[in-house]
């Protein structure tokens, strides 16, 4: 009886931990998507700055 209760408790704890991990994974993927967008935006801004610098150097 005690072993069955311990097993049931352990299974519930594992399932709860798996659910928490799923939430963390979803959040991590969302943040990675945001980081990718920012990196792309930074690349575009760097190109813009480079072009402005070249134009100013010609003057």
PDB file of N, CA and C in Angstrom:
ATOM      1  N   UNK A   1       0.825  -1.198   0.000  1.00  0.00           N
ATOM      2  CA  UNK A   1       0.000   0.000   0.000  1.00  0.00           C
ATOM      3  C   UNK A   1       0.863   1.254   0.000  1.00  0.00           C
ATOM      4  N   UNK A   2       1.879   1.270   0.897  1.00  0.00           N
ATOM      5  CA  UNK A   2       2.770   2.425   0.942  1.00  0.00           C
ATOM      6  C   UNK A   2       3.540   2.585  -0.361  1.00  0.00           C
ATOM      7  N   UNK A   3       4.004   1.467  -0.901  1.00  0.00           N
ATOM      8  CA  UNK A   3       4.761   1.518  -2.148  1.00  0.00           C
ATOM      9  C   UNK A   3       3.905   2.051  -3.297  1.00  0.00           C
ATOM     10  N   UNK A   4       2.662   1.648  -3.351  1.00  0.00           N
ATOM     11  CA  UNK A   4       1.764   2.126  -4.404  1.00  0.00           C
ATOM     12  C   UNK A   4       1.559   3.633  -4.280  1.00  0.00           C
ATOM     13  N   UNK A   5       1.422   4.119  -3.050  1.00  0.00           N
ATOM     14  CA  UNK A   5       1.242   5.556  -2.809  1.00  0.00           C
ATOM     15  C   UNK A   5       2.508   6.323  -3.189  1.00  0.00           C
ATOM     16  N   UNK A   6       3.660   5.786  -2.827  1.00  0.00           N
ATOM     17  CA  UNK A   6       4.924   6.420  -3.185  1.00  0.00           C
ATOM     18  C   UNK A   6       5.086   6.470  -4.709  1.00  0.00           C
ATOM     19  N   UNK A   7       4.732   5.385  -5.364  1.00  0.00           N
ATOM     20  CA  UNK A   7       4.844   5.320  -6.815  1.00  0.00           C
ATOM     21  C   UNK A   7       3.918   6.350  -7.461  1.00  0.00           C
ATOM     22  N   UNK A   8       2.704   6.433  -6.969  1.00  0.00           N
ATOM     23  CA  UNK A   8       1.733   7.388  -7.509  1.00  0.00           C
ATOM     24  C   UNK A   8       2.216   8.821  -7.305  1.00  0.00           C
ATOM     25  N   UNK A   9       2.750   9.103  -6.135  1.00  0.00           N
ATOM     26  CA  UNK A   9       3.283  10.436  -5.844  1.00  0.00           C
ATOM     27  C   UNK A   9       4.461  10.748  -6.754  1.00  0.00           C
ATOM     28  N   UNK A  10       5.339   9.783  -6.949  1.00  0.00           N
ATOM     29  CA  UNK A  10       6.494   9.966  -7.811  1.00  0.00           C
ATOM     30  C   UNK A  10       6.067  10.230  -9.259  1.00  0.00           C
ATOM     31  N   UNK A  11       5.088   9.483  -9.731  1.00  0.00           N
ATOM     32  CA  UNK A  11       4.579   9.676 -11.088  1.00  0.00           C
ATOM     33  C   UNK A  11       3.992  11.076 -11.243  1.00  0.00           C
ATOM     34  N   UNK A  12       3.233  11.525 -10.254  1.00  0.00           N
ATOM     35  CA  UNK A  12       2.660  12.873 -10.313  1.00  0.00           C
ATOM     36  C   UNK A  12       3.750  13.938 -10.307  1.00  0.00           C
ATOM     37  N   UNK A  13       4.783  13.730  -9.494  1.00  0.00           N
ATOM     38  CA  UNK A  13       5.902  14.681  -9.454  1.00  0.00           C
ATOM     39  C   UNK A  13       6.616  14.741 -10.800  1.00  0.00           C
ATOM     40  N   UNK A  14       6.820  13.584 -11.408  1.00  0.00           N
ATOM     41  CA  UNK A  14       7.483  13.529 -12.718  1.00  0.00           C
ATOM     42  C   UNK A  14       6.635  14.229 -13.772  1.00  0.00           C
ATOM     43  N   UNK A  15       5.345  13.979 -13.757  1.00  0.00           N
ATOM     44  CA  UNK A  15       4.457  14.625 -14.730  1.00  0.00           C
ATOM     45  C   UNK A  15       4.449  16.139 -14.550  1.00  0.00           C
ATOM     46  N   UNK A  16       4.471  16.595 -13.307  1.00  0.00           N
ATOM     47  CA  UNK A  16       4.508  18.033 -13.030  1.00  0.00           C
ATOM     48  C   UNK A  16       5.823  18.629 -13.526  1.00  0.00           C
ATOM     49  N   UNK A  17       6.920  17.917 -13.299  1.00  0.00           N
ATOM     50  CA  UNK A  17       8.217  18.395 -13.764  1.00  0.00           C
ATOM     51  C   UNK A  17       8.252  18.452 -15.292  1.00  0.00           C
ATOM     52  N   UNK A  18       7.672  17.458 -15.955  1.00  0.00           N
ATOM     53  CA  UNK A  18       7.620  17.458 -17.421  1.00  0.00           C
ATOM     54  C   UNK A  18       6.803  18.642 -17.935  1.00  0.00           C
ATOM     55  N   UNK A  19       5.700  18.928 -17.268  1.00  0.00           N
ATOM     56  CA  UNK A  19       4.874  20.070 -17.673  1.00  0.00           C
ATOM     57  C   UNK A  19       5.655  21.373 -17.503  1.00  0.00           C
ATOM     58  N   UNK A  20       6.382  21.490 -16.400  1.00  0.00           N
ATOM     59  CA  UNK A  20       7.204  22.682 -16.181  1.00  0.00           C
ATOM     60  C   UNK A  20       8.267  22.812 -17.262  1.00  0.00           C
ATOM     61  N   UNK A  21       8.884  21.706 -17.627  1.00  0.00           N
ATOM     62  CA  UNK A  21       9.901  21.726 -18.676  1.00  0.00           C
ATOM     63  C   UNK A  21       9.312  22.135 -20.022  1.00  0.00           C
ATOM     64  N   UNK A  22       8.099  21.671 -20.312  1.00  0.00           N
ATOM     65  CA  UNK A  22       7.439  22.069 -21.561  1.00  0.00           C
ATOM     66  C   UNK A  22       7.227  23.584 -21.607  1.00  0.00           C
ATOM     67  N   UNK A  23       6.779  24.141 -20.478  1.00  0.00           N
ATOM     68  CA  UNK A  23       6.562  25.594 -20.396  1.00  0.00           C
ATOM     69  C   UNK A  23       7.881  26.330 -20.604  1.00  0.00           C
ATOM     70  N   UNK A  24       8.936  25.849 -19.959  1.00  0.00           N
ATOM     71  CA  UNK A  24      10.244  26.486 -20.113  1.00  0.00           C
ATOM     72  C   UNK A  24      10.749  26.388 -21.548  1.00  0.00           C
ATOM     73  N   UNK A  25      10.541  25.255 -22.184  1.00  0.00           N
ATOM     74  CA  UNK A  25      10.961  25.070 -23.567  1.00  0.00           C
ATOM     75  C   UNK A  25      10.212  26.023 -24.490  1.00  0.00           C
ATOM     76  N   UNK A  26       8.902  26.155 -24.290  1.00  0.00           N
ATOM     77  CA  UNK A  26       8.114  27.078 -25.112  1.00  0.00           C
ATOM     78  C   UNK A  26       8.613  28.512 -24.935  1.00  0.00           C
ATOM     79  N   UNK A  27       8.890  28.885 -23.699  1.00  0.00           N
ATOM     80  CA  UNK A  27       9.380  30.245 -23.421  1.00  0.00           C
ATOM     81  C   UNK A  27      10.752  30.450 -24.067  1.00  0.00           C
ATOM     82  N   UNK A  28      11.611  29.451 -23.953  1.00  0.00           N
ATOM     83  CA  UNK A  28      12.948  29.532 -24.545  1.00  0.00           C
ATOM     84  C   UNK A  28      12.863  29.704 -26.055  1.00  0.00           C
ATOM     85  N   UNK A  29      11.972  28.953 -26.692  1.00  0.00           N
ATOM     86  CA  UNK A  29      11.802  29.062 -28.140  1.00  0.00           C
ATOM     87  C   UNK A  29      11.280  30.439 -28.533  1.00  0.00           C
ATOM     88  N   UNK A  30      10.370  30.980 -27.731  1.00  0.00           N
ATOM     89  CA  UNK A  30       9.831  32.315 -28.004  1.00  0.00           C
ATOM     90  C   UNK A  30      10.929  33.373 -27.874  1.00  0.00           C
ATOM     91  N   UNK A  31      11.716  33.270 -26.820  1.00  0.00           N
ATOM     92  CA  UNK A  31      12.797  34.231 -26.609  1.00  0.00           C
ATOM     93  C   UNK A  31      13.832  34.105 -27.726  1.00  0.00           C
ATOM     94  N   UNK A  32      14.125  32.876 -28.163  1.00  0.00           N
ATOM     95  CA  UNK A  32      15.086  32.686 -29.258  1.00  0.00           C
ATOM     96  C   UNK A  32      14.577  33.351 -30.536  1.00  0.00           C
ATOM     97  N   UNK A  33      13.289  33.262 -30.782  1.00  0.00           N
ATOM     98  CA  UNK A  33      12.707  33.936 -31.939  1.00  0.00           C
ATOM     99  C   UNK A  33      12.874  35.443 -31.848  1.00  0.00           C
ATOM    100  N   UNK A  34      12.674  35.989 -30.646  1.00  0.00           N
ATOM    101  CA  UNK A  34      12.850  37.426 -30.451  1.00  0.00           C
ATOM    102  C   UNK A  34      14.310  37.826 -30.654  1.00  0.00           C
ATOM    103  N   UNK A  35      15.219  37.007 -30.159  1.00  0.00           N
ATOM    104  CA  UNK A  35      16.649  37.280 -30.332  1.00  0.00           C
ATOM    105  C   UNK A  35      17.011  37.264 -31.813  1.00  0.00           C
ATOM    106  N   UNK A  36      16.497  36.282 -32.547  1.00  0.00           N
ATOM    107  CA  UNK A  36      16.776  36.199 -33.988  1.00  0.00           C
ATOM    108  C   UNK A  36      16.297  37.452 -34.717  1.00  0.00           C
ATOM    109  N   UNK A  37      15.117  37.958 -34.346  1.00  0.00           N
ATOM    110  CA  UNK A  37      14.606  39.187 -34.966  1.00  0.00           C
ATOM    111  C   UNK A  37      15.510  40.376 -34.647  1.00  0.00           C
ATOM    112  N   UNK A  38      15.960  40.455 -33.397  1.00  0.00           N
ATOM    113  CA  UNK A  38      16.837  41.556 -33.006  1.00  0.00           C
ATOM    114  C   UNK A  38      18.182  41.485 -33.720  1.00  0.00           C
ATOM    115  N   UNK A  39      18.718  40.291 -33.871  1.00  0.00           N
ATOM    116  CA  UNK A  39      19.987  40.129 -34.583  1.00  0.00           C
ATOM    117  C   UNK A  39      19.832  40.578 -36.034  1.00  0.00           C
ATOM    118  N   UNK A  40      18.734  40.194 -36.661  1.00  0.00           N
ATOM    119  CA  UNK A  40      18.489  40.611 -38.043  1.00  0.00           C
ATOM    120  C   UNK A  40      18.351  42.133 -38.120  1.00  0.00           C
ATOM    121  N   UNK A  41      17.634  42.712 -37.179  1.00  0.00           N
ATOM    122  CA  UNK A  41      17.469  44.162 -37.139  1.00  0.00           C
ATOM    123  C   UNK A  41      18.804  44.872 -36.936  1.00  0.00           C
ATOM    124  N   UNK A  42      19.649  44.308 -36.074  1.00  0.00           N
ATOM    125  CA  UNK A  42      20.961  44.907 -35.843  1.00  0.00           C
ATOM    126  C   UNK A  42      21.812  44.854 -37.108  1.00  0.00           C
ATOM    127  N   UNK A  43      21.704  43.779 -37.849  1.00  0.00           N
ATOM    128  CA  UNK A  43      22.446  43.662 -39.103  1.00  0.00           C
ATOM    129  C   UNK A  43      22.009  44.724 -40.098  1.00  0.00           C
ATOM    130  N   UNK A  44      20.701  44.933 -40.164  1.00  0.00           N
ATOM    131  CA  UNK A  44      20.170  45.950 -41.070  1.00  0.00           C
ATOM    132  C   UNK A  44      20.636  47.348 -40.634  1.00  0.00           C
ATOM    133  N   UNK A  45      20.608  47.613 -39.339  1.00  0.00           N
ATOM    134  CA  UNK A  45      21.069  48.915 -38.847  1.00  0.00           C
ATOM    135  C   UNK A  45      22.558  49.106 -39.103  1.00  0.00           C
ATOM    136  N   UNK A  46      23.335  48.046 -38.951  1.00  0.00           N
ATOM    137  CA  UNK A  46      24.767  48.154 -39.203  1.00  0.00           C
ATOM    138  C   UNK A  46      25.041  48.480 -40.666  1.00  0.00           C
ATOM    139  N   UNK A  47      24.291  47.871 -41.553  1.00  0.00           N
ATOM    140  CA  UNK A  47      24.426  48.164 -42.986  1.00  0.00           C
ATOM    141  C   UNK A  47      24.074  49.619 -43.252  1.00  0.00           C
ATOM    142  N   UNK A  48      23.018  50.101 -42.638  1.00  0.00           N
ATOM    143  CA  UNK A  48      22.588  51.493 -42.804  1.00  0.00           C
ATOM    144  C   UNK A  48      23.678  52.448 -42.307  1.00  0.00           C
ATOM    145  N   UNK A  49      24.229  52.148 -41.138  1.00  0.00           N
ATOM    146  CA  UNK A  49      25.289  52.992 -40.571  1.00  0.00           C
ATOM    147  C   UNK A  49      26.519  52.977 -41.481  1.00  0.00           C
ATOM    148  N   UNK A  50      26.869  51.805 -41.965  1.00  0.00           N
ATOM    149  CA  UNK A  50      28.017  51.696 -42.877  1.00  0.00           C
ATOM    150  C   UNK A  50      27.797  52.551 -44.129  1.00  0.00           C
ATOM    151  N   UNK A  51      26.606  52.476 -44.684  1.00  0.00           N
ATOM    152  CA  UNK A  51      26.297  53.263 -45.884  1.00  0.00           C
ATOM    153  C   UNK A  51      26.354  54.758 -45.601  1.00  0.00           C
ATOM    154  N   UNK A  52      25.830  55.178 -44.468  1.00  0.00           N
ATOM    155  CA  UNK A  52      25.892  56.603 -44.095  1.00  0.00           C
ATOM    156  C   UNK A  52      27.335  57.051 -43.912  1.00  0.00           C
ATOM    157  N   UNK A  53      28.128  56.219 -43.268  1.00  0.00           N
ATOM    158  CA  UNK A  53      29.538  56.548 -43.041  1.00  0.00           C
ATOM    159  C   UNK A  53      30.269  56.717 -44.362  1.00  0.00           C
ATOM    160  N   UNK A  54      29.999  55.820 -45.316  1.00  0.00           N
ATOM    161  CA  UNK A  54      30.629  55.919 -46.640  1.00  0.00           C
ATOM    162  C   UNK A  54      30.198  57.195 -47.355  1.00  0.00           C
ATOM    163  N   UNK A  55      28.922  57.543 -47.250  1.00  0.00           N
ATOM    164  CA  UNK A  55      28.417  58.759 -47.900  1.00  0.00           C
ATOM    165  C   UNK A  55      29.054  59.999 -47.288  1.00  0.00           C
ATOM    166  N   UNK A  56      29.189  60.014 -45.971  1.00  0.00           N
ATOM    167  CA  UNK A  56      29.805  61.161 -45.306  1.00  0.00           C
ATOM    168  C   UNK A  56      31.288  61.265 -45.627  1.00  0.00           C
ATOM    169  N   UNK A  57      31.951  60.140 -45.820  1.00  0.00           N
ATOM    170  CA  UNK A  57      33.374  60.141 -46.133  1.00  0.00           C
ATOM    171  C   UNK A  57      33.622  60.714 -47.527  1.00  0.00           C
ATOM    172  N   UNK A  58      32.656  60.567 -48.427  1.00  0.00           N
ATOM    173  CA  UNK A  58      32.798  61.079 -49.798  1.00  0.00           C
ATOM    174  C   UNK A  58      32.686  62.583 -49.852  1.00  0.00           C
ATOM    175  N   UNK A  59      32.008  63.182 -48.905  1.00  0.00           N
ATOM    176  CA  UNK A  59      31.755  64.645 -48.916  1.00  0.00           C
ATOM    177  C   UNK A  59      32.959  65.437 -48.489  1.00  0.00           C
TER     178      UNK A  59
END
